[in-house]
Amino acid sequence: ALLAAATDRMRSYGAHDQRVELPAEKDPALPFYTRMGFGSLGPTRWS
C-alpha cells in the first residue's frame, strides 16, 4: 500500500521509471521489491 501510494505521487510528477537503492546486497527487502517488478541495476540498485 505504501509503495502504491508513493508510486501514484511519482507518476503525477511525470515518473515513468522507479528506482530504489538497498543498503545490502542480500537485503531482506529484496523479495518484496522483486515481487513488485523491480529488476537489478547492480548489487544494490533496483528499478
All heavy atoms as atom14 arrays in JSON, in Angstrom:
{
  "sequence": "ALLAAATDRMRSYGAHDQRVELPAEKDPALPFYTRMGFGSLGPTRWS",
  "atom14_mask": [
    [1, 1, 1, 1, 1, 0, 0, 0, 0, 0, 0, 0, 0, 0],
    [1, 1, 1, 1, 1, 1, 1, 1, 0, 0, 0, 0, 0, 0],
    [1, 1, 1, 1, 1, 1, 1, 1, 0, 0, 0, 0, 0, 0],
    [1, 1, 1, 1, 1, 0, 0, 0, 0, 0, 0, 0, 0, 0],
    [1, 1, 1, 1, 1, 0, 0, 0, 0, 0, 0, 0, 0, 0],
    [1, 1, 1, 1, 1, 0, 0, 0, 0, 0, 0, 0, 0, 0],
    [1, 1, 1, 1, 1, 1, 1, 0, 0, 0, 0, 0, 0, 0],
    [1, 1, 1, 1, 1, 1, 1, 1, 0, 0, 0, 0, 0, 0],
    [1, 1, 1, 1, 1, 1, 1, 1, 1, 1, 1, 0, 0, 0],
    [1, 1, 1, 1, 1, 1, 1, 1, 0, 0, 0, 0, 0, 0],
    [1, 1, 1, 1, 1, 1, 1, 1, 1, 1, 1, 0, 0, 0],
    [1, 1, 1, 1, 1, 1, 0, 0, 0, 0, 0, 0, 0, 0],
    [1, 1, 1, 1, 1, 1, 1, 1, 1, 1, 1, 1, 0, 0],
    [1, 1, 1, 1, 0, 0, 0, 0, 0, 0, 0, 0, 0, 0],
    [1, 1, 1, 1, 1, 0, 0, 0, 0, 0, 0, 0, 0, 0],
    [1, 1, 1, 1, 1, 1, 1, 1, 1, 1, 0, 0, 0, 0],
    [1, 1, 1, 1, 1, 1, 1, 1, 0, 0, 0, 0, 0, 0],
    [1, 1, 1, 1, 1, 1, 1, 1, 1, 0, 0, 0, 0, 0],
    [1, 1, 1, 1, 1, 1, 1, 1, 1, 1, 1, 0, 0, 0],
    [1, 1, 1, 1, 1, 1, 1, 0, 0, 0, 0, 0, 0, 0],
    [1, 1, 1, 1, 1, 1, 1, 1, 1, 0, 0, 0, 0, 0],
    [1, 1, 1, 1, 1, 1, 1, 1, 0, 0, 0, 0, 0, 0],
    [1, 1, 1, 1, 1, 1, 1, 0, 0, 0, 0, 0, 0, 0],
    [1, 1, 1, 1, 1, 0, 0, 0, 0, 0, 0, 0, 0, 0],
    [1, 1, 1, 1, 1, 1, 1, 1, 1, 0, 0, 0, 0, 0],
    [1, 1, 1, 1, 1, 1, 1, 1, 1, 0, 0, 0, 0, 0],
    [1, 1, 1, 1, 1, 1, 1, 1, 0, 0, 0, 0, 0, 0],
    [1, 1, 1, 1, 1, 1, 1, 0, 0, 0, 0, 0, 0, 0],
    [1, 1, 1, 1, 1, 0, 0, 0, 0, 0, 0, 0, 0, 0],
    [1, 1, 1, 1, 1, 1, 1, 1, 0, 0, 0, 0, 0, 0],
    [1, 1, 1, 1, 1, 1, 1, 0, 0, 0, 0, 0, 0, 0],
    [1, 1, 1, 1, 1, 1, 1, 1, 1, 1, 1, 0, 0, 0],
    [1, 1, 1, 1, 1, 1, 1, 1, 1, 1, 1, 1, 0, 0],
    [1, 1, 1, 1, 1, 1, 1, 0, 0, 0, 0, 0, 0, 0],
    [1, 1, 1, 1, 1, 1, 1, 1, 1, 1, 1, 0, 0, 0],
    [1, 1, 1, 1, 1, 1, 1, 1, 0, 0, 0, 0, 0, 0],
    [1, 1, 1, 1, 0, 0, 0, 0, 0, 0, 0, 0, 0, 0],
    [1, 1, 1, 1, 1, 1, 1, 1, 1, 1, 1, 0, 0, 0],
    [1, 1, 1, 1, 0, 0, 0, 0, 0, 0, 0, 0, 0, 0],
    [1, 1, 1, 1, 1, 1, 0, 0, 0, 0, 0, 0, 0, 0],
    [1, 1, 1, 1, 1, 1, 1, 1, 0, 0, 0, 0, 0, 0],
    [1, 1, 1, 1, 0, 0, 0, 0, 0, 0, 0, 0, 0, 0],
    [1, 1, 1, 1, 1, 1, 1, 0, 0, 0, 0, 0, 0, 0],
    [1, 1, 1, 1, 1, 1, 1, 0, 0, 0, 0, 0, 0, 0],
    [1, 1, 1, 1, 1, 1, 1, 1, 1, 1, 1, 0, 0, 0],
    [1, 1, 1, 1, 1, 1, 1, 1, 1, 1, 1, 1, 1, 1],
    [1, 1, 1, 1, 1, 1, 0, 0, 0, 0, 0, 0, 0, 0]
  ],
  "atom14_positions": [
    [[0.83, -1.21, 0.0], [0.0, 0.0, 0.0], [0.86, 1.27, 0.0], [0.57, 2.23, -0.71], [-0.94, 0.0, 1.21], [0.0, 0.0, 0.0], [0.0, 0.0, 0.0], [0.0, 0.0, 0.0], [0.0, 0.0, 0.0], [0.0, 0.0, 0.0], [0.0, 0.0, 0.0], [0.0, 0.0, 0.0], [0.0, 0.0, 0.0], [0.0, 0.0, 0.0]],
    [[1.93, 1.26, 0.78], [2.83, 2.42, 0.82], [3.53, 2.61, -0.53], [3.62, 3.74, -1.03], [3.88, 2.25, 1.92], [3.37, 2.5, 3.34], [4.34, 1.9, 4.36], [3.18, 3.99, 3.58], [0.0, 0.0, 0.0], [0.0, 0.0, 0.0], [0.0, 0.0, 0.0], [0.0, 0.0, 0.0], [0.0, 0.0, 0.0], [0.0, 0.0, 0.0]],
    [[4.01, 1.53, -1.12], [4.68, 1.65, -2.42], [3.7, 2.13, -3.48], [4.05, 2.98, -4.31], [5.32, 0.32, -2.83], [6.1, 0.34, -4.13], [7.27, 1.34, -4.07], [6.61, -1.04, -4.48], [0.0, 0.0, 0.0], [0.0, 0.0, 0.0], [0.0, 0.0, 0.0], [0.0, 0.0, 0.0], [0.0, 0.0, 0.0], [0.0, 0.0, 0.0]],
    [[2.46, 1.65, -3.45], [1.46, 2.09, -4.41], [1.18, 3.58, -4.27], [1.08, 4.31, -5.26], [0.17, 1.28, -4.24], [0.0, 0.0, 0.0], [0.0, 0.0, 0.0], [0.0, 0.0, 0.0], [0.0, 0.0, 0.0], [0.0, 0.0, 0.0], [0.0, 0.0, 0.0], [0.0, 0.0, 0.0], [0.0, 0.0, 0.0], [0.0, 0.0, 0.0]],
    [[1.06, 4.06, -3.03], [0.8, 5.49, -2.8], [1.98, 6.34, -3.25], [1.8, 7.39, -3.88], [0.48, 5.73, -1.33], [0.0, 0.0, 0.0], [0.0, 0.0, 0.0], [0.0, 0.0, 0.0], [0.0, 0.0, 0.0], [0.0, 0.0, 0.0], [0.0, 0.0, 0.0], [0.0, 0.0, 0.0], [0.0, 0.0, 0.0], [0.0, 0.0, 0.0]],
    [[3.19, 5.9, -2.93], [4.38, 6.64, -3.37], [4.48, 6.64, -4.89], [4.82, 7.66, -5.5], [5.64, 6.03, -2.74], [0.0, 0.0, 0.0], [0.0, 0.0, 0.0], [0.0, 0.0, 0.0], [0.0, 0.0, 0.0], [0.0, 0.0, 0.0], [0.0, 0.0, 0.0], [0.0, 0.0, 0.0], [0.0, 0.0, 0.0], [0.0, 0.0, 0.0]],
    [[4.16, 5.51, -5.5], [4.21, 5.39, -6.96], [3.2, 6.34, -7.61], [3.53, 7.01, -8.6], [3.93, 3.94, -7.38], [4.95, 3.1, -6.82], [3.93, 3.78, -8.89], [0.0, 0.0, 0.0], [0.0, 0.0, 0.0], [0.0, 0.0, 0.0], [0.0, 0.0, 0.0], [0.0, 0.0, 0.0], [0.0, 0.0, 0.0], [0.0, 0.0, 0.0]],
    [[1.99, 6.42, -7.05], [0.98, 7.35, -7.59], [1.49, 8.78, -7.55], [1.33, 9.54, -8.51], [-0.33, 7.24, -6.81], [-1.09, 5.95, -7.11], [-0.76, 5.26, -8.1], [-2.01, 5.63, -6.33], [0.0, 0.0, 0.0], [0.0, 0.0, 0.0], [0.0, 0.0, 0.0], [0.0, 0.0, 0.0], [0.0, 0.0, 0.0], [0.0, 0.0, 0.0]],
    [[2.12, 9.15, -6.44], [2.69, 10.51, -6.33], [3.76, 10.73, -7.4], [3.81, 11.78, -8.03], [3.31, 10.72, -4.96], [2.34, 11.03, -3.88], [3.07, 11.38, -2.6], [2.13, 11.94, -1.65], [2.48, 12.6, -0.58], [3.75, 12.75, -0.28], [1.58, 13.08, 0.24], [0.0, 0.0, 0.0], [0.0, 0.0, 0.0], [0.0, 0.0, 0.0]],
    [[4.64, 9.75, -7.56], [5.72, 9.88, -8.53], [5.17, 10.0, -9.95], [5.65, 10.82, -10.74], [6.67, 8.7, -8.41], [7.47, 8.71, -7.14], [8.44, 7.2, -6.95], [8.89, 7.31, -5.22], [0.0, 0.0, 0.0], [0.0, 0.0, 0.0], [0.0, 0.0, 0.0], [0.0, 0.0, 0.0], [0.0, 0.0, 0.0], [0.0, 0.0, 0.0]],
    [[4.18, 9.18, -10.28], [3.56, 9.25, -11.6], [2.97, 10.63, -11.86], [3.06, 11.15, -12.97], [2.45, 8.2, -11.72], [2.87, 6.98, -12.45], [1.64, 6.19, -12.91], [1.9, 4.79, -12.67], [1.43, 4.08, -11.66], [0.63, 4.61, -10.77], [1.73, 2.82, -11.54], [0.0, 0.0, 0.0], [0.0, 0.0, 0.0], [0.0, 0.0, 0.0]],
    [[2.34, 11.22, -10.83], [1.73, 12.53, -11.01], [2.78, 13.62, -11.27], [2.44, 14.71, -11.74], [0.84, 12.9, -9.82], [1.62, 13.19, -8.68], [0.0, 0.0, 0.0], [0.0, 0.0, 0.0], [0.0, 0.0, 0.0], [0.0, 0.0, 0.0], [0.0, 0.0, 0.0], [0.0, 0.0, 0.0], [0.0, 0.0, 0.0], [0.0, 0.0, 0.0]],
    [[4.04, 13.32, -10.98], [5.14, 14.24, -11.27], [5.95, 13.78, -12.48], [7.1, 14.18, -12.66], [6.04, 14.41, -10.05], [5.44, 15.36, -9.04], [4.51, 14.92, -8.11], [5.79, 16.7, -9.04], [3.93, 15.79, -7.2], [5.22, 17.58, -8.14], [4.29, 17.12, -7.23], [3.71, 17.99, -6.33], [0.0, 0.0, 0.0], [0.0, 0.0, 0.0]],
    [[5.35, 12.92, -13.3], [5.96, 12.55, -14.57], [6.9, 11.36, -14.56], [7.56, 11.09, -15.56], [0.0, 0.0, 0.0], [0.0, 0.0, 0.0], [0.0, 0.0, 0.0], [0.0, 0.0, 0.0], [0.0, 0.0, 0.0], [0.0, 0.0, 0.0], [0.0, 0.0, 0.0], [0.0, 0.0, 0.0], [0.0, 0.0, 0.0], [0.0, 0.0, 0.0]],
    [[6.97, 10.63, -13.47], [7.87, 9.47, -13.42], [7.31, 8.33, -14.27], [6.12, 8.03, -14.21], [8.08, 9.0, -11.99], [0.0, 0.0, 0.0], [0.0, 0.0, 0.0], [0.0, 0.0, 0.0], [0.0, 0.0, 0.0], [0.0, 0.0, 0.0], [0.0, 0.0, 0.0], [0.0, 0.0, 0.0], [0.0, 0.0, 0.0], [0.0, 0.0, 0.0]],
    [[8.18, 7.73, -15.06], [7.8, 6.54, -15.82], [8.67, 5.34, -15.4], [8.41, 4.22, -15.8], [7.88, 6.77, -17.33], [9.15, 7.42, -17.77], [10.33, 6.75, -17.89], [9.4, 8.71, -18.1], [11.27, 7.59, -18.29], [10.74, 8.78, -18.42], [0.0, 0.0, 0.0], [0.0, 0.0, 0.0], [0.0, 0.0, 0.0], [0.0, 0.0, 0.0]],
    [[9.68, 5.6, -14.6], [10.52, 4.56, -14.02], [10.63, 4.83, -12.53], [10.43, 5.97, -12.08], [11.94, 4.57, -14.61], [11.96, 4.1, -16.05], [11.45, 3.0, -16.31], [12.49, 4.84, -16.9], [0.0, 0.0, 0.0], [0.0, 0.0, 0.0], [0.0, 0.0, 0.0], [0.0, 0.0, 0.0], [0.0, 0.0, 0.0], [0.0, 0.0, 0.0]],
    [[10.97, 3.78, -11.78], [11.11, 3.92, -10.33], [12.33, 3.14, -9.89], [12.56, 2.02, -10.34], [9.85, 3.37, -9.66], [9.75, 3.64, -8.18], [8.41, 3.15, -7.67], [8.01, 2.02, -7.9], [7.69, 4.03, -6.97], [0.0, 0.0, 0.0], [0.0, 0.0, 0.0], [0.0, 0.0, 0.0], [0.0, 0.0, 0.0], [0.0, 0.0, 0.0]],
    [[13.11, 3.73, -8.99], [14.34, 3.1, -8.52], [14.34, 3.03, -6.99], [13.69, 3.8, -6.32], [15.55, 3.87, -8.99], [15.63, 4.02, -10.5], [16.94, 4.56, -10.98], [17.02, 4.95, -12.35], [16.65, 4.28, -13.42], [16.09, 3.13, -13.29], [16.81, 4.73, -14.64], [0.0, 0.0, 0.0], [0.0, 0.0, 0.0], [0.0, 0.0, 0.0]],
    [[15.16, 2.12, -6.49], [15.4, 2.01, -5.06], [16.83, 1.54, -4.88], [17.33, 0.73, -5.67], [14.4, 1.06, -4.36], [14.53, -0.37, -4.85], [14.52, 1.14, -2.85], [0.0, 0.0, 0.0], [0.0, 0.0, 0.0], [0.0, 0.0, 0.0], [0.0, 0.0, 0.0], [0.0, 0.0, 0.0], [0.0, 0.0, 0.0], [0.0, 0.0, 0.0]],
    [[17.5, 2.06, -3.86], [18.84, 1.58, -3.51], [18.74, 0.94, -2.13], [18.26, 1.56, -1.19], [19.86, 2.71, -3.49], [21.25, 2.18, -3.23], [22.36, 3.15, -3.6], [22.06, 4.22, -4.15], [23.51, 2.84, -3.31], [0.0, 0.0, 0.0], [0.0, 0.0, 0.0], [0.0, 0.0, 0.0], [0.0, 0.0, 0.0], [0.0, 0.0, 0.0]],
    [[19.16, -0.3, -2.05], [19.08, -1.06, -0.8], [20.43, -1.03, -0.1], [21.47, -0.99, -0.75], [18.65, -2.5, -1.09], [17.31, -2.61, -1.83], [17.02, -4.06, -2.2], [16.19, -2.04, -0.98], [0.0, 0.0, 0.0], [0.0, 0.0, 0.0], [0.0, 0.0, 0.0], [0.0, 0.0, 0.0], [0.0, 0.0, 0.0], [0.0, 0.0, 0.0]],
    [[20.44, -1.07, 1.24], [21.7, -0.97, 1.99], [22.64, -2.18, 1.86], [23.82, -2.06, 2.13], [21.24, -0.84, 3.45], [19.85, -0.36, 3.37], [19.29, -0.93, 2.12], [0.0, 0.0, 0.0], [0.0, 0.0, 0.0], [0.0, 0.0, 0.0], [0.0, 0.0, 0.0], [0.0, 0.0, 0.0], [0.0, 0.0, 0.0], [0.0, 0.0, 0.0]],
    [[22.12, -3.33, 1.46], [22.96, -4.53, 1.41], [22.61, -5.37, 0.19], [21.46, -5.38, -0.27], [22.75, -5.36, 2.68], [0.0, 0.0, 0.0], [0.0, 0.0, 0.0], [0.0, 0.0, 0.0], [0.0, 0.0, 0.0], [0.0, 0.0, 0.0], [0.0, 0.0, 0.0], [0.0, 0.0, 0.0], [0.0, 0.0, 0.0], [0.0, 0.0, 0.0]],
    [[23.6, -6.08, -0.33], [23.4, -6.94, -1.48], [22.36, -8.03, -1.21], [21.54, -8.34, -2.05], [24.74, -7.61, -1.85], [25.1, -7.43, -3.3], [26.45, -8.02, -3.62], [27.47, -7.42, -3.23], [26.46, -9.08, -4.26], [0.0, 0.0, 0.0], [0.0, 0.0, 0.0], [0.0, 0.0, 0.0], [0.0, 0.0, 0.0], [0.0, 0.0, 0.0]],
    [[22.41, -8.61, -0.03], [21.45, -9.65, 0.34], [20.39, -9.05, 1.27], [20.12, -9.56, 2.34], [22.18, -10.82, 1.0], [23.11, -11.52, 0.05], [23.77, -12.71, 0.66], [24.71, -13.33, -0.37], [25.24, -14.59, 0.03], [0.0, 0.0, 0.0], [0.0, 0.0, 0.0], [0.0, 0.0, 0.0], [0.0, 0.0, 0.0], [0.0, 0.0, 0.0]],
    [[19.81, -7.98, 0.81], [18.85, -7.22, 1.6], [17.59, -8.03, 1.85], [17.06, -8.66, 0.94], [18.5, -5.93, 0.84], [17.9, -4.9, 1.74], [16.74, -5.08, 2.12], [18.6, -3.93, 2.06], [0.0, 0.0, 0.0], [0.0, 0.0, 0.0], [0.0, 0.0, 0.0], [0.0, 0.0, 0.0], [0.0, 0.0, 0.0], [0.0, 0.0, 0.0]],
    [[17.07, -8.01, 3.09], [15.85, -8.76, 3.38], [14.62, -8.21, 2.64], [13.62, -8.91, 2.51], [15.68, -8.65, 4.89], [16.63, -7.61, 5.34], [17.65, -7.41, 4.29], [0.0, 0.0, 0.0], [0.0, 0.0, 0.0], [0.0, 0.0, 0.0], [0.0, 0.0, 0.0], [0.0, 0.0, 0.0], [0.0, 0.0, 0.0], [0.0, 0.0, 0.0]],
    [[14.67, -6.98, 2.13], [13.55, -6.41, 1.38], [13.57, -6.81, -0.09], [12.6, -6.56, -0.81], [13.56, -4.89, 1.5], [0.0, 0.0, 0.0], [0.0, 0.0, 0.0], [0.0, 0.0, 0.0], [0.0, 0.0, 0.0], [0.0, 0.0, 0.0], [0.0, 0.0, 0.0], [0.0, 0.0, 0.0], [0.0, 0.0, 0.0], [0.0, 0.0, 0.0]],
    [[14.62, -7.45, -0.52], [14.76, -7.81, -1.93], [13.6, -8.66, -2.47], [13.09, -8.36, -3.56], [16.11, -8.5, -2.16], [16.53, -8.69, -3.6], [16.47, -7.39, -4.37], [17.94, -9.25, -3.63], [0.0, 0.0, 0.0], [0.0, 0.0, 0.0], [0.0, 0.0, 0.0], [0.0, 0.0, 0.0], [0.0, 0.0, 0.0], [0.0, 0.0, 0.0]],
    [[13.13, -9.69, -1.75], [11.99, -10.44, -2.27], [10.75, -9.56, -2.5], [10.02, -9.75, -3.48], [11.73, -11.5, -1.2], [13.04, -11.68, -0.52], [13.68, -10.3, -0.53], [0.0, 0.0, 0.0], [0.0, 0.0, 0.0], [0.0, 0.0, 0.0], [0.0, 0.0, 0.0], [0.0, 0.0, 0.0], [0.0, 0.0, 0.0], [0.0, 0.0, 0.0]],
    [[10.52, -8.6, -1.62], [9.4, -7.68, -1.79], [9.56, -6.89, -3.09], [8.63, -6.82, -3.91], [9.3, -6.73, -0.59], [8.35, -5.58, -0.8], [6.98, -5.77, -0.69], [8.82, -4.31, -1.11], [6.1, -4.71, -0.89], [7.95, -3.26, -1.31], [6.58, -3.45, -1.2], [0.0, 0.0, 0.0], [0.0, 0.0, 0.0], [0.0, 0.0, 0.0]],
    [[10.73, -6.29, -3.28], [10.93, -5.46, -4.46], [10.9, -6.28, -5.75], [10.34, -5.82, -6.75], [12.22, -4.65, -4.35], [12.07, -3.49, -3.4], [12.69, -3.48, -2.16], [11.28, -2.39, -3.72], [12.53, -2.42, -1.27], [11.12, -1.33, -2.85], [11.74, -1.36, -1.62], [11.57, -0.3, -0.76], [0.0, 0.0, 0.0], [0.0, 0.0, 0.0]],
    [[11.44, -7.47, -5.75], [11.38, -8.3, -6.97], [9.93, -8.7, -7.25], [9.51, -8.72, -8.41], [12.32, -9.52, -6.9], [12.01, -10.3, -5.76], [13.77, -9.1, -6.87], [0.0, 0.0, 0.0], [0.0, 0.0, 0.0], [0.0, 0.0, 0.0], [0.0, 0.0, 0.0], [0.0, 0.0, 0.0], [0.0, 0.0, 0.0], [0.0, 0.0, 0.0]],
    [[9.16, -9.0, -6.22], [7.75, -9.33, -6.4], [6.99, -8.13, -6.97], [6.01, -8.28, -7.71], [7.15, -9.76, -5.06], [5.81, -10.45, -5.18], [5.33, -11.09, -3.89], [5.18, -10.16, -2.78], [6.01, -10.06, -1.72], [7.06, -10.85, -1.61], [5.8, -9.18, -0.77], [0.0, 0.0, 0.0], [0.0, 0.0, 0.0], [0.0, 0.0, 0.0]],
    [[7.44, -6.93, -6.65], [6.8, -5.71, -7.16], [7.3, -5.34, -8.56], [6.9, -4.31, -9.11], [7.07, -4.53, -6.21], [6.44, -4.69, -4.83], [4.65, -4.61, -4.92], [4.2, -6.24, -4.42], [0.0, 0.0, 0.0], [0.0, 0.0, 0.0], [0.0, 0.0, 0.0], [0.0, 0.0, 0.0], [0.0, 0.0, 0.0], [0.0, 0.0, 0.0]],
    [[8.17, -6.16, -9.15], [8.6, -5.94, -10.52], [9.92, -5.24, -10.7], [10.3, -4.9, -11.82], [0.0, 0.0, 0.0], [0.0, 0.0, 0.0], [0.0, 0.0, 0.0], [0.0, 0.0, 0.0], [0.0, 0.0, 0.0], [0.0, 0.0, 0.0], [0.0, 0.0, 0.0], [0.0, 0.0, 0.0], [0.0, 0.0, 0.0], [0.0, 0.0, 0.0]],
    [[10.67, -5.02, -9.63], [11.97, -4.38, -9.74], [13.01, -5.38, -10.25], [12.99, -6.55, -9.86], [12.43, -3.84, -8.37], [11.73, -2.59, -7.94], [10.44, -2.64, -7.41], [12.33, -1.35, -8.05], [9.78, -1.49, -7.0], [11.68, -0.19, -7.65], [10.4, -0.27, -7.12], [0.0, 0.0, 0.0], [0.0, 0.0, 0.0], [0.0, 0.0, 0.0]],
    [[13.89, -4.91, -11.11], [14.99, -5.71, -11.61], [16.31, -5.05, -11.26], [16.39, -3.83, -11.04], [0.0, 0.0, 0.0], [0.0, 0.0, 0.0], [0.0, 0.0, 0.0], [0.0, 0.0, 0.0], [0.0, 0.0, 0.0], [0.0, 0.0, 0.0], [0.0, 0.0, 0.0], [0.0, 0.0, 0.0], [0.0, 0.0, 0.0], [0.0, 0.0, 0.0]],
    [[17.35, -5.82, -11.24], [18.66, -5.36, -10.79], [19.33, -4.41, -11.79], [19.36, -4.67, -12.99], [19.57, -6.57, -10.55], [20.85, -6.13, -10.16], [0.0, 0.0, 0.0], [0.0, 0.0, 0.0], [0.0, 0.0, 0.0], [0.0, 0.0, 0.0], [0.0, 0.0, 0.0], [0.0, 0.0, 0.0], [0.0, 0.0, 0.0], [0.0, 0.0, 0.0]],
    [[19.9, -3.35, -11.24], [20.79, -2.45, -11.99], [22.22, -2.6, -11.49], [23.11, -1.9, -11.94], [20.35, -0.99, -11.8], [19.01, -0.58, -12.36], [18.68, 0.85, -11.97], [18.99, -0.74, -13.87], [0.0, 0.0, 0.0], [0.0, 0.0, 0.0], [0.0, 0.0, 0.0], [0.0, 0.0, 0.0], [0.0, 0.0, 0.0], [0.0, 0.0, 0.0]],
    [[22.41, -3.47, -10.52], [23.7, -3.68, -9.86], [23.42, -4.36, -8.54], [22.28, -4.7, -8.23], [0.0, 0.0, 0.0], [0.0, 0.0, 0.0], [0.0, 0.0, 0.0], [0.0, 0.0, 0.0], [0.0, 0.0, 0.0], [0.0, 0.0, 0.0], [0.0, 0.0, 0.0], [0.0, 0.0, 0.0], [0.0, 0.0, 0.0], [0.0, 0.0, 0.0]],
    [[24.43, -4.54, -7.72], [24.24, -5.3, -6.48], [23.21, -4.71, -5.51], [22.52, -5.45, -4.83], [25.61, -5.32, -5.83], [26.56, -4.74, -6.8], [25.8, -4.1, -7.91], [0.0, 0.0, 0.0], [0.0, 0.0, 0.0], [0.0, 0.0, 0.0], [0.0, 0.0, 0.0], [0.0, 0.0, 0.0], [0.0, 0.0, 0.0], [0.0, 0.0, 0.0]],
    [[23.09, -3.38, -5.47], [22.16, -2.78, -4.51], [21.17, -1.8, -5.15], [20.36, -1.2, -4.45], [22.92, -2.05, -3.38], [23.73, -1.01, -3.96], [23.79, -3.0, -2.58], [0.0, 0.0, 0.0], [0.0, 0.0, 0.0], [0.0, 0.0, 0.0], [0.0, 0.0, 0.0], [0.0, 0.0, 0.0], [0.0, 0.0, 0.0], [0.0, 0.0, 0.0]],
    [[21.21, -1.62, -6.46], [20.3, -0.71, -7.16], [19.27, -1.52, -7.94], [19.62, -2.46, -8.65], [21.03, 0.19, -8.15], [21.92, 1.23, -7.54], [21.24, 2.44, -7.0], [20.62, 3.29, -8.0], [19.7, 4.19, -7.69], [19.28, 4.34, -6.48], [19.18, 4.94, -8.63], [0.0, 0.0, 0.0], [0.0, 0.0, 0.0], [0.0, 0.0, 0.0]],
    [[18.0, -1.14, -7.8], [16.92, -1.86, -8.44], [15.99, -0.86, -9.14], [15.86, 0.29, -8.69], [16.15, -2.69, -7.41], [17.06, -3.74, -6.83], [18.01, -3.58, -5.86], [17.18, -5.08, -7.27], [18.68, -4.75, -5.65], [18.19, -5.7, -6.49], [16.5, -5.84, -8.2], [18.54, -7.03, -6.66], [16.85, -7.17, -8.37], [17.87, -7.75, -7.61]],
    [[15.34, -1.29, -10.21], [14.5, -0.39, -10.99], [13.33, -1.14, -11.59], [13.4, -2.36, -11.8], [15.34, 0.24, -12.1], [14.56, 1.06, -12.93], [0.0, 0.0, 0.0], [0.0, 0.0, 0.0], [0.0, 0.0, 0.0], [0.0, 0.0, 0.0], [0.0, 0.0, 0.0], [0.0, 0.0, 0.0], [0.0, 0.0, 0.0], [0.0, 0.0, 0.0]]
  ]
}
